[in-house]
Amino acid sequence: MSAKMKVLLVQNVEHLGQAGELKDVSGGFGRNYLLPKGFAVLATRGQIKQAEERLSAQRRRVDAARKDAEALAARLDGVTLTFTAKVGEQDRLYGSVTSADIVEKIGQQLKLEIDRRKIELEEPIKRTGTYPVSIRLVAGVVPVVNVVVQGEGGPAPVAPPDVAEPGEE
């Protein structure tokens, strides 16, 4: 029966753990698979210390990215983006408003660059109206912008029923 050995994972290993974790594995598994494939190294004091330093640096980067995302979310949350498009029957657009269009409008209006893949739009907007659109910046930070799509010339004015339209007699 082979003894247990402590290894430090260098890469994520399915069903075992994530990179940077310290694991007890059987000697054969460590010697014959993890070490030769470069998935792990023997857990020496120096290796453990380096791993802890890498993890703390990674935590600091994640915290900084989260702070930046929260500041960006504060600027984005509740912003209204207005699109004007040609409209056909039943308020259907000739074309559509896509996540790329939304990112472009955010860039023009707020001078911000956002990856279009962060826009949570299941399918392009094809009708006039107001749509709340989420932007997934990081886990737990999801501001919502309002996308207003209107036909060319703005919203159609509503005439009172008894008043004749100009030009009609």
N, C-alpha and C. Protein backbone atom coordinates (compact mmCIF):
# COMPACT_ATOMS: atom_id res chain seq x y z
N MET A 1 0.85 -1.18 0.00
CA MET A 1 0.00 0.00 0.00
C MET A 1 0.89 1.23 0.00
N SER A 2 0.60 2.14 -0.90
CA SER A 2 1.46 3.31 -1.02
C SER A 2 1.02 4.40 -0.05
N ALA A 3 1.96 5.17 0.43
CA ALA A 3 1.69 6.22 1.41
C ALA A 3 1.12 7.45 0.72
N LYS A 4 0.50 8.29 1.51
CA LYS A 4 -0.03 9.55 1.00
C LYS A 4 1.12 10.53 0.81
N MET A 5 0.94 11.44 -0.15
CA MET A 5 1.92 12.49 -0.34
C MET A 5 1.19 13.82 -0.50
N LYS A 6 1.83 14.89 -0.05
CA LYS A 6 1.25 16.23 -0.19
C LYS A 6 1.77 16.82 -1.48
N VAL A 7 0.83 17.31 -2.31
CA VAL A 7 1.20 17.98 -3.54
C VAL A 7 0.51 19.33 -3.61
N LEU A 8 1.12 20.22 -4.36
CA LEU A 8 0.55 21.53 -4.62
C LEU A 8 0.13 21.54 -6.08
N LEU A 9 -1.15 21.73 -6.33
CA LEU A 9 -1.65 21.71 -7.71
C LEU A 9 -1.18 22.95 -8.46
N VAL A 10 -0.63 22.74 -9.63
CA VAL A 10 -0.16 23.82 -10.48
C VAL A 10 -1.25 24.20 -11.49
N GLN A 11 -2.08 23.23 -11.86
CA GLN A 11 -3.19 23.46 -12.78
C GLN A 11 -4.46 22.89 -12.15
N ASN A 12 -5.59 23.30 -12.67
CA ASN A 12 -6.86 22.73 -12.23
C ASN A 12 -6.90 21.27 -12.68
N VAL A 13 -7.28 20.37 -11.77
CA VAL A 13 -7.39 18.95 -12.09
C VAL A 13 -8.82 18.53 -11.77
N GLU A 14 -9.51 18.05 -12.79
CA GLU A 14 -10.89 17.64 -12.62
C GLU A 14 -11.03 16.59 -11.53
N HIS A 15 -12.01 16.73 -10.68
CA HIS A 15 -12.33 15.82 -9.58
C HIS A 15 -11.28 15.85 -8.46
N LEU A 16 -10.31 16.78 -8.54
CA LEU A 16 -9.32 16.87 -7.48
C LEU A 16 -9.28 18.26 -6.87
N GLY A 17 -9.07 19.28 -7.68
CA GLY A 17 -9.03 20.63 -7.13
C GLY A 17 -8.54 21.67 -8.11
N GLN A 18 -8.43 22.89 -7.60
CA GLN A 18 -8.03 24.04 -8.39
C GLN A 18 -6.55 24.33 -8.22
N ALA A 19 -5.98 25.04 -9.17
CA ALA A 19 -4.57 25.43 -9.10
C ALA A 19 -4.33 26.21 -7.82
N GLY A 20 -3.21 25.92 -7.16
CA GLY A 20 -2.85 26.61 -5.93
C GLY A 20 -3.29 25.90 -4.66
N GLU A 21 -4.11 24.86 -4.79
CA GLU A 21 -4.59 24.13 -3.62
C GLU A 21 -3.57 23.07 -3.20
N LEU A 22 -3.53 22.82 -1.91
CA LEU A 22 -2.66 21.79 -1.33
C LEU A 22 -3.53 20.55 -1.13
N LYS A 23 -3.08 19.40 -1.65
CA LYS A 23 -3.89 18.18 -1.58
C LYS A 23 -3.06 17.00 -1.10
N ASP A 24 -3.72 16.09 -0.38
CA ASP A 24 -3.13 14.79 -0.02
C ASP A 24 -3.62 13.79 -1.05
N VAL A 25 -2.68 13.16 -1.74
CA VAL A 25 -3.04 12.17 -2.75
C VAL A 25 -2.24 10.90 -2.49
N SER A 26 -2.68 9.80 -3.08
CA SER A 26 -1.91 8.56 -2.90
C SER A 26 -0.57 8.71 -3.62
N GLY A 27 0.43 8.03 -3.12
CA GLY A 27 1.77 8.13 -3.68
C GLY A 27 1.82 7.78 -5.16
N GLY A 28 1.13 6.72 -5.55
CA GLY A 28 1.15 6.29 -6.94
C GLY A 28 0.52 7.32 -7.87
N PHE A 29 -0.60 7.89 -7.47
CA PHE A 29 -1.29 8.90 -8.27
C PHE A 29 -0.39 10.12 -8.44
N GLY A 30 0.25 10.53 -7.36
CA GLY A 30 1.14 11.68 -7.43
C GLY A 30 2.35 11.42 -8.29
N ARG A 31 3.07 10.31 -8.02
CA ARG A 31 4.32 9.99 -8.74
C ARG A 31 4.09 9.63 -10.21
N ASN A 32 3.02 8.90 -10.49
CA ASN A 32 2.82 8.38 -11.84
C ASN A 32 1.95 9.26 -12.75
N TYR A 33 1.19 10.17 -12.16
CA TYR A 33 0.30 10.97 -13.00
C TYR A 33 0.50 12.47 -12.79
N LEU A 34 0.26 12.95 -11.56
CA LEU A 34 0.27 14.39 -11.32
C LEU A 34 1.64 15.03 -11.57
N LEU A 35 2.69 14.47 -11.02
CA LEU A 35 4.02 15.06 -11.16
C LEU A 35 4.55 14.98 -12.60
N PRO A 36 4.52 13.81 -13.27
CA PRO A 36 5.06 13.75 -14.64
C PRO A 36 4.29 14.62 -15.64
N LYS A 37 2.97 14.76 -15.47
CA LYS A 37 2.16 15.56 -16.40
C LYS A 37 2.27 17.05 -16.10
N GLY A 38 2.89 17.42 -14.99
CA GLY A 38 3.04 18.83 -14.64
C GLY A 38 1.81 19.43 -14.00
N PHE A 39 0.91 18.58 -13.53
CA PHE A 39 -0.30 19.08 -12.88
C PHE A 39 -0.04 19.52 -11.44
N ALA A 40 1.03 19.00 -10.83
CA ALA A 40 1.32 19.29 -9.43
C ALA A 40 2.82 19.24 -9.20
N VAL A 41 3.24 19.80 -8.06
CA VAL A 41 4.62 19.71 -7.60
C VAL A 41 4.58 19.23 -6.16
N LEU A 42 5.68 18.65 -5.70
CA LEU A 42 5.74 18.24 -4.30
C LEU A 42 5.57 19.47 -3.41
N ALA A 43 4.84 19.31 -2.34
CA ALA A 43 4.53 20.43 -1.46
C ALA A 43 5.66 20.66 -0.47
N THR A 44 6.62 21.49 -0.85
CA THR A 44 7.70 21.88 0.06
C THR A 44 7.30 23.20 0.71
N ARG A 45 8.03 23.59 1.75
CA ARG A 45 7.70 24.86 2.42
C ARG A 45 7.78 26.02 1.44
N GLY A 46 8.81 26.02 0.61
CA GLY A 46 8.98 27.10 -0.37
C GLY A 46 7.85 27.15 -1.37
N GLN A 47 7.42 25.98 -1.86
CA GLN A 47 6.31 25.92 -2.82
C GLN A 47 5.02 26.42 -2.18
N ILE A 48 4.79 26.02 -0.94
CA ILE A 48 3.57 26.43 -0.24
C ILE A 48 3.57 27.95 -0.05
N LYS A 49 4.71 28.51 0.32
CA LYS A 49 4.80 29.95 0.54
C LYS A 49 4.55 30.70 -0.77
N GLN A 50 5.13 30.23 -1.87
CA GLN A 50 4.91 30.86 -3.17
C GLN A 50 3.43 30.81 -3.56
N ALA A 51 2.80 29.67 -3.30
CA ALA A 51 1.39 29.52 -3.64
C ALA A 51 0.54 30.50 -2.83
N GLU A 52 0.85 30.65 -1.54
CA GLU A 52 0.10 31.59 -0.70
C GLU A 52 0.26 33.01 -1.21
N GLU A 53 1.49 33.38 -1.62
CA GLU A 53 1.73 34.72 -2.16
C GLU A 53 0.96 34.95 -3.45
N ARG A 54 0.94 33.93 -4.33
CA ARG A 54 0.17 34.05 -5.57
C ARG A 54 -1.31 34.21 -5.28
N LEU A 55 -1.83 33.42 -4.32
CA LEU A 55 -3.25 33.51 -3.99
C LEU A 55 -3.61 34.87 -3.41
N SER A 56 -2.75 35.42 -2.54
CA SER A 56 -3.06 36.73 -1.96
C SER A 56 -3.00 37.82 -3.05
N ALA A 57 -2.04 37.71 -3.98
CA ALA A 57 -1.97 38.67 -5.08
C ALA A 57 -3.20 38.56 -5.96
N GLN A 58 -3.65 37.33 -6.20
CA GLN A 58 -4.85 37.13 -7.01
C GLN A 58 -6.08 37.72 -6.31
N ARG A 59 -6.18 37.53 -4.99
CA ARG A 59 -7.30 38.10 -4.24
C ARG A 59 -7.30 39.62 -4.34
N ARG A 60 -6.11 40.23 -4.25
CA ARG A 60 -6.03 41.70 -4.37
C ARG A 60 -6.48 42.15 -5.76
N ARG A 61 -6.08 41.42 -6.81
CA ARG A 61 -6.51 41.77 -8.17
C ARG A 61 -8.02 41.64 -8.32
N VAL A 62 -8.58 40.57 -7.75
CA VAL A 62 -10.03 40.36 -7.84
C VAL A 62 -10.77 41.46 -7.09
N ASP A 63 -10.28 41.83 -5.91
CA ASP A 63 -10.91 42.91 -5.14
C ASP A 63 -10.86 44.23 -5.89
N ALA A 64 -9.70 44.52 -6.51
CA ALA A 64 -9.57 45.77 -7.28
C ALA A 64 -10.51 45.76 -8.47
N ALA A 65 -10.60 44.62 -9.16
CA ALA A 65 -11.50 44.52 -10.31
C ALA A 65 -12.95 44.69 -9.88
N ARG A 66 -13.30 44.15 -8.72
CA ARG A 66 -14.66 44.27 -8.20
C ARG A 66 -14.97 45.74 -7.87
N LYS A 67 -14.02 46.44 -7.26
CA LYS A 67 -14.22 47.86 -6.94
C LYS A 67 -14.44 48.67 -8.21
N ASP A 68 -13.60 48.39 -9.23
CA ASP A 68 -13.75 49.09 -10.52
C ASP A 68 -15.12 48.80 -11.13
N ALA A 69 -15.54 47.54 -11.06
CA ALA A 69 -16.84 47.15 -11.62
C ALA A 69 -17.98 47.83 -10.88
N GLU A 70 -17.86 47.96 -9.56
CA GLU A 70 -18.92 48.62 -8.79
C GLU A 70 -19.00 50.11 -9.13
N ALA A 71 -17.84 50.75 -9.34
CA ALA A 71 -17.84 52.16 -9.75
C ALA A 71 -18.47 52.32 -11.12
N LEU A 72 -18.14 51.41 -12.04
CA LEU A 72 -18.72 51.43 -13.37
C LEU A 72 -20.22 51.18 -13.31
N ALA A 73 -20.64 50.26 -12.46
CA ALA A 73 -22.06 49.95 -12.30
C ALA A 73 -22.83 51.16 -11.79
N ALA A 74 -22.21 51.93 -10.90
CA ALA A 74 -22.88 53.12 -10.38
C ALA A 74 -23.12 54.14 -11.51
N ARG A 75 -22.18 54.22 -12.47
CA ARG A 75 -22.37 55.13 -13.60
C ARG A 75 -23.41 54.62 -14.59
N LEU A 76 -23.49 53.30 -14.74
CA LEU A 76 -24.38 52.71 -15.74
C LEU A 76 -25.82 52.52 -15.26
N ASP A 77 -26.00 52.23 -14.00
CA ASP A 77 -27.32 51.84 -13.49
C ASP A 77 -28.35 52.93 -13.72
N GLY A 78 -29.42 52.59 -14.42
CA GLY A 78 -30.52 53.51 -14.64
C GLY A 78 -30.34 54.43 -15.83
N VAL A 79 -29.23 54.35 -16.55
CA VAL A 79 -29.00 55.19 -17.73
C VAL A 79 -30.00 54.79 -18.82
N THR A 80 -30.49 55.79 -19.55
CA THR A 80 -31.42 55.52 -20.64
C THR A 80 -30.70 55.73 -21.97
N LEU A 81 -30.74 54.71 -22.81
CA LEU A 81 -30.14 54.75 -24.14
C LEU A 81 -31.28 54.78 -25.16
N THR A 82 -31.31 55.80 -26.01
CA THR A 82 -32.40 55.95 -26.96
C THR A 82 -31.92 55.63 -28.37
N PHE A 83 -32.65 54.76 -29.03
CA PHE A 83 -32.35 54.37 -30.41
C PHE A 83 -33.53 54.77 -31.28
N THR A 84 -33.23 55.30 -32.47
CA THR A 84 -34.26 55.64 -33.44
C THR A 84 -34.04 54.77 -34.67
N ALA A 85 -35.12 54.12 -35.13
CA ALA A 85 -34.99 53.22 -36.26
C ALA A 85 -36.22 53.31 -37.14
N LYS A 86 -36.06 52.84 -38.37
CA LYS A 86 -37.21 52.79 -39.28
C LYS A 86 -38.15 51.70 -38.79
N VAL A 87 -39.44 52.01 -38.85
CA VAL A 87 -40.45 51.10 -38.30
C VAL A 87 -41.45 50.73 -39.39
N GLY A 88 -41.84 49.46 -39.39
CA GLY A 88 -42.85 48.98 -40.32
C GLY A 88 -44.17 48.76 -39.59
N GLU A 89 -44.92 47.80 -40.06
CA GLU A 89 -46.22 47.49 -39.45
C GLU A 89 -46.04 46.95 -38.04
N GLN A 90 -47.02 47.24 -37.19
CA GLN A 90 -47.08 46.75 -35.82
C GLN A 90 -45.81 47.09 -35.03
N ASP A 91 -45.23 48.24 -35.29
CA ASP A 91 -44.05 48.74 -34.57
C ASP A 91 -42.84 47.81 -34.68
N ARG A 92 -42.77 47.03 -35.75
CA ARG A 92 -41.59 46.17 -35.96
C ARG A 92 -40.51 46.97 -36.67
N LEU A 93 -39.28 46.79 -36.23
CA LEU A 93 -38.16 47.52 -36.80
C LEU A 93 -37.71 46.89 -38.11
N TYR A 94 -37.19 47.72 -39.01
CA TYR A 94 -36.49 47.21 -40.19
C TYR A 94 -35.06 47.00 -39.72
N GLY A 95 -34.75 45.84 -39.24
CA GLY A 95 -33.45 45.57 -38.61
C GLY A 95 -33.68 45.28 -37.14
N SER A 96 -32.67 45.53 -36.33
CA SER A 96 -32.82 45.27 -34.90
C SER A 96 -31.77 46.05 -34.12
N VAL A 97 -31.95 46.10 -32.80
CA VAL A 97 -30.97 46.70 -31.89
C VAL A 97 -30.27 45.53 -31.21
N THR A 98 -28.95 45.43 -31.40
CA THR A 98 -28.18 44.31 -30.87
C THR A 98 -27.30 44.76 -29.71
N SER A 99 -26.64 43.80 -29.08
CA SER A 99 -25.74 44.12 -27.99
C SER A 99 -24.59 45.01 -28.48
N ALA A 100 -24.15 44.81 -29.72
CA ALA A 100 -23.09 45.66 -30.28
C ALA A 100 -23.57 47.11 -30.40
N ASP A 101 -24.84 47.31 -30.77
CA ASP A 101 -25.41 48.66 -30.86
C ASP A 101 -25.47 49.30 -29.47
N ILE A 102 -25.83 48.51 -28.47
CA ILE A 102 -25.93 49.02 -27.10
C ILE A 102 -24.55 49.44 -26.60
N VAL A 103 -23.53 48.62 -26.86
CA VAL A 103 -22.16 48.94 -26.44
C VAL A 103 -21.69 50.22 -27.13
N GLU A 104 -21.99 50.34 -28.42
CA GLU A 104 -21.60 51.53 -29.17
C GLU A 104 -22.26 52.79 -28.59
N LYS A 105 -23.53 52.69 -28.26
CA LYS A 105 -24.27 53.83 -27.69
C LYS A 105 -23.72 54.20 -26.32
N ILE A 106 -23.36 53.20 -25.50
CA ILE A 106 -22.75 53.48 -24.19
C ILE A 106 -21.42 54.21 -24.39
N GLY A 107 -20.65 53.78 -25.40
CA GLY A 107 -19.38 54.44 -25.70
C GLY A 107 -19.58 55.89 -26.10
N GLN A 108 -20.59 56.16 -26.92
CA GLN A 108 -20.87 57.53 -27.37
C GLN A 108 -21.39 58.39 -26.22
N GLN A 109 -22.33 57.85 -25.48
CA GLN A 109 -23.03 58.63 -24.47
C GLN A 109 -22.21 58.81 -23.19
N LEU A 110 -21.55 57.75 -22.73
CA LEU A 110 -20.85 57.80 -21.44
C LEU A 110 -19.34 57.73 -21.55
N LYS A 111 -18.82 57.57 -22.76
CA LYS A 111 -17.37 57.44 -22.98
C LYS A 111 -16.79 56.25 -22.21
N LEU A 112 -17.50 55.12 -22.23
CA LEU A 112 -17.06 53.90 -21.55
C LEU A 112 -16.91 52.79 -22.57
N GLU A 113 -15.94 51.90 -22.35
CA GLU A 113 -15.79 50.73 -23.20
C GLU A 113 -16.22 49.50 -22.42
N ILE A 114 -17.16 48.76 -23.00
CA ILE A 114 -17.67 47.54 -22.38
C ILE A 114 -17.65 46.45 -23.44
N ASP A 115 -17.30 45.25 -23.03
CA ASP A 115 -17.30 44.10 -23.94
C ASP A 115 -18.75 43.75 -24.26
N ARG A 116 -19.05 43.58 -25.54
CA ARG A 116 -20.44 43.31 -25.94
C ARG A 116 -20.97 41.99 -25.35
N ARG A 117 -20.05 41.06 -25.01
CA ARG A 117 -20.50 39.79 -24.45
C ARG A 117 -21.03 39.94 -23.03
N LYS A 118 -20.79 41.09 -22.41
CA LYS A 118 -21.29 41.33 -21.06
C LYS A 118 -22.75 41.81 -21.07
N ILE A 119 -23.25 42.19 -22.23
CA ILE A 119 -24.64 42.63 -22.36
C ILE A 119 -25.52 41.39 -22.35
N GLU A 120 -26.49 41.36 -21.44
CA GLU A 120 -27.38 40.19 -21.35
C GLU A 120 -28.65 40.46 -22.16
N LEU A 121 -28.55 40.14 -23.44
CA LEU A 121 -29.66 40.33 -24.37
C LEU A 121 -29.87 39.00 -25.06
N GLU A 122 -30.99 38.31 -24.72
CA GLU A 122 -31.21 36.98 -25.26
C GLU A 122 -31.33 36.97 -26.77
N GLU A 123 -32.02 37.98 -27.29
CA GLU A 123 -32.15 38.10 -28.74
C GLU A 123 -32.25 39.58 -29.07
N PRO A 124 -31.88 39.96 -30.28
CA PRO A 124 -31.92 41.39 -30.65
C PRO A 124 -33.33 41.96 -30.49
N ILE A 125 -33.39 43.25 -30.17
CA ILE A 125 -34.67 43.95 -29.99
C ILE A 125 -35.21 44.29 -31.38
N LYS A 126 -36.46 43.87 -31.65
CA LYS A 126 -37.03 44.04 -32.98
C LYS A 126 -38.32 44.86 -32.99
N ARG A 127 -38.70 45.40 -31.84
CA ARG A 127 -39.92 46.21 -31.76
C ARG A 127 -39.62 47.49 -30.99
N THR A 128 -40.46 48.50 -31.22
CA THR A 128 -40.31 49.73 -30.46
C THR A 128 -40.75 49.48 -29.03
N GLY A 129 -40.25 50.29 -28.13
CA GLY A 129 -40.62 50.16 -26.72
C GLY A 129 -39.43 50.43 -25.82
N THR A 130 -39.64 50.20 -24.54
CA THR A 130 -38.59 50.38 -23.54
C THR A 130 -38.23 49.01 -22.98
N TYR A 131 -36.93 48.72 -22.94
CA TYR A 131 -36.46 47.41 -22.50
C TYR A 131 -35.38 47.58 -21.44
N PRO A 132 -35.55 46.92 -20.28
CA PRO A 132 -34.44 46.92 -19.30
C PRO A 132 -33.41 45.88 -19.75
N VAL A 133 -32.14 46.29 -19.81
CA VAL A 133 -31.08 45.39 -20.27
C VAL A 133 -30.00 45.34 -19.20
N SER A 134 -29.67 44.12 -18.75
CA SER A 134 -28.65 43.92 -17.72
C SER A 134 -27.27 43.85 -18.37
N ILE A 135 -26.28 44.33 -17.62
CA ILE A 135 -24.89 44.25 -18.06
C ILE A 135 -24.12 43.52 -16.96
N ARG A 136 -23.64 42.32 -17.28
CA ARG A 136 -22.95 41.47 -16.29
C ARG A 136 -21.48 41.85 -16.25
N LEU A 137 -21.08 42.70 -15.29
CA LEU A 137 -19.70 43.15 -15.20
C LEU A 137 -18.83 42.10 -14.52
N VAL A 138 -19.14 41.74 -13.28
CA VAL A 138 -18.52 40.64 -12.55
C VAL A 138 -19.63 39.98 -11.74
N ALA A 139 -19.32 38.86 -11.13
CA ALA A 139 -20.34 38.14 -10.35
C ALA A 139 -20.93 39.07 -9.29
N GLY A 140 -22.24 39.20 -9.31
CA GLY A 140 -22.93 40.00 -8.31
C GLY A 140 -23.01 41.48 -8.63
N VAL A 141 -22.36 41.96 -9.68
CA VAL A 141 -22.42 43.37 -10.07
C VAL A 141 -23.06 43.44 -11.45
N VAL A 142 -24.38 43.73 -11.45
CA VAL A 142 -25.14 43.71 -12.70
C VAL A 142 -26.02 44.96 -12.78
N PRO A 143 -25.49 46.07 -13.34
CA PRO A 143 -26.34 47.24 -13.50
C PRO A 143 -27.35 47.03 -14.62
N VAL A 144 -28.44 47.80 -14.59
CA VAL A 144 -29.48 47.69 -15.61
C VAL A 144 -29.61 49.05 -16.31
N VAL A 145 -29.53 49.03 -17.64
CA VAL A 145 -29.77 50.24 -18.42
C VAL A 145 -31.11 50.10 -19.12
N ASN A 146 -31.74 51.23 -19.38
CA ASN A 146 -33.02 51.22 -20.09
C ASN A 146 -32.76 51.53 -21.56
N VAL A 147 -33.19 50.64 -22.43
CA VAL A 147 -33.03 50.84 -23.87
C VAL A 147 -34.40 51.24 -24.42
N VAL A 148 -34.47 52.46 -24.97
CA VAL A 148 -35.71 52.96 -25.55
C VAL A 148 -35.55 52.92 -27.06
N VAL A 149 -36.43 52.20 -27.72
CA VAL A 149 -36.41 52.10 -29.18
C VAL A 149 -37.67 52.79 -29.69
N GLN A 150 -37.46 53.80 -30.55
CA GLN A 150 -38.60 54.51 -31.10
C GLN A 150 -38.46 54.61 -32.61
N GLY A 151 -39.61 54.78 -33.25
CA GLY A 151 -39.61 54.91 -34.69
C GLY A 151 -39.04 56.24 -35.11
N GLU A 152 -38.60 56.35 -36.38
CA GLU A 152 -38.06 57.61 -36.87
C GLU A 152 -39.08 58.70 -36.69
N GLY A 153 -38.63 59.89 -36.27
CA GLY A 153 -39.53 60.99 -36.02
C GLY A 153 -40.03 60.99 -34.58
N GLY A 154 -39.54 60.08 -33.74
CA GLY A 154 -39.95 60.03 -32.34
C GLY A 154 -41.26 59.30 -32.19
N PRO A 155 -41.79 59.29 -30.98
CA PRO A 155 -43.06 58.60 -30.77
C PRO A 155 -44.18 59.31 -31.53
N ALA A 156 -45.08 58.55 -32.08
CA ALA A 156 -46.18 59.11 -32.86
C ALA A 156 -47.10 59.91 -31.94
N PRO A 157 -47.44 61.15 -32.33
CA PRO A 157 -48.34 61.93 -31.48
C PRO A 157 -49.74 61.32 -31.50
N VAL A 158 -50.40 61.40 -30.39
CA VAL A 158 -51.74 60.86 -30.28
C VAL A 158 -52.72 62.01 -30.39
N ALA A 159 -53.57 61.99 -31.43
CA ALA A 159 -54.53 63.07 -31.65
C ALA A 159 -55.82 62.76 -30.90
N PRO A 160 -56.46 63.79 -30.36
CA PRO A 160 -57.76 63.56 -29.73
C PRO A 160 -58.75 63.03 -30.77
N PRO A 161 -59.68 62.17 -30.40
CA PRO A 161 -60.56 61.52 -31.37
C PRO A 161 -61.46 62.46 -32.15
N ASP A 162 -61.87 63.63 -31.60
CA ASP A 162 -62.82 64.51 -32.28
C ASP A 162 -62.13 65.54 -33.18
N VAL A 163 -60.80 65.66 -33.08
CA VAL A 163 -60.11 66.71 -33.83
C VAL A 163 -59.64 66.13 -35.15
N ALA A 164 -59.92 66.85 -36.24
CA ALA A 164 -59.48 66.41 -37.57
C ALA A 164 -57.99 66.68 -37.72
N GLU A 165 -57.30 65.78 -38.42
CA GLU A 165 -55.88 65.94 -38.70
C GLU A 165 -55.69 67.15 -39.62
N PRO A 166 -54.57 67.88 -39.51
CA PRO A 166 -54.34 69.01 -40.42
C PRO A 166 -54.34 68.54 -41.87
N GLY A 167 -54.93 69.31 -42.76
CA GLY A 167 -54.99 68.93 -44.17
C GLY A 167 -56.25 68.16 -44.50
N GLU A 168 -57.02 67.71 -43.52
CA GLU A 168 -58.26 66.97 -43.78
C GLU A 168 -59.42 67.94 -43.71
N GLU A 169 -60.43 67.75 -44.52
CA GLU A 169 -61.61 68.61 -44.47
C GLU A 169 -62.86 67.85 -44.59
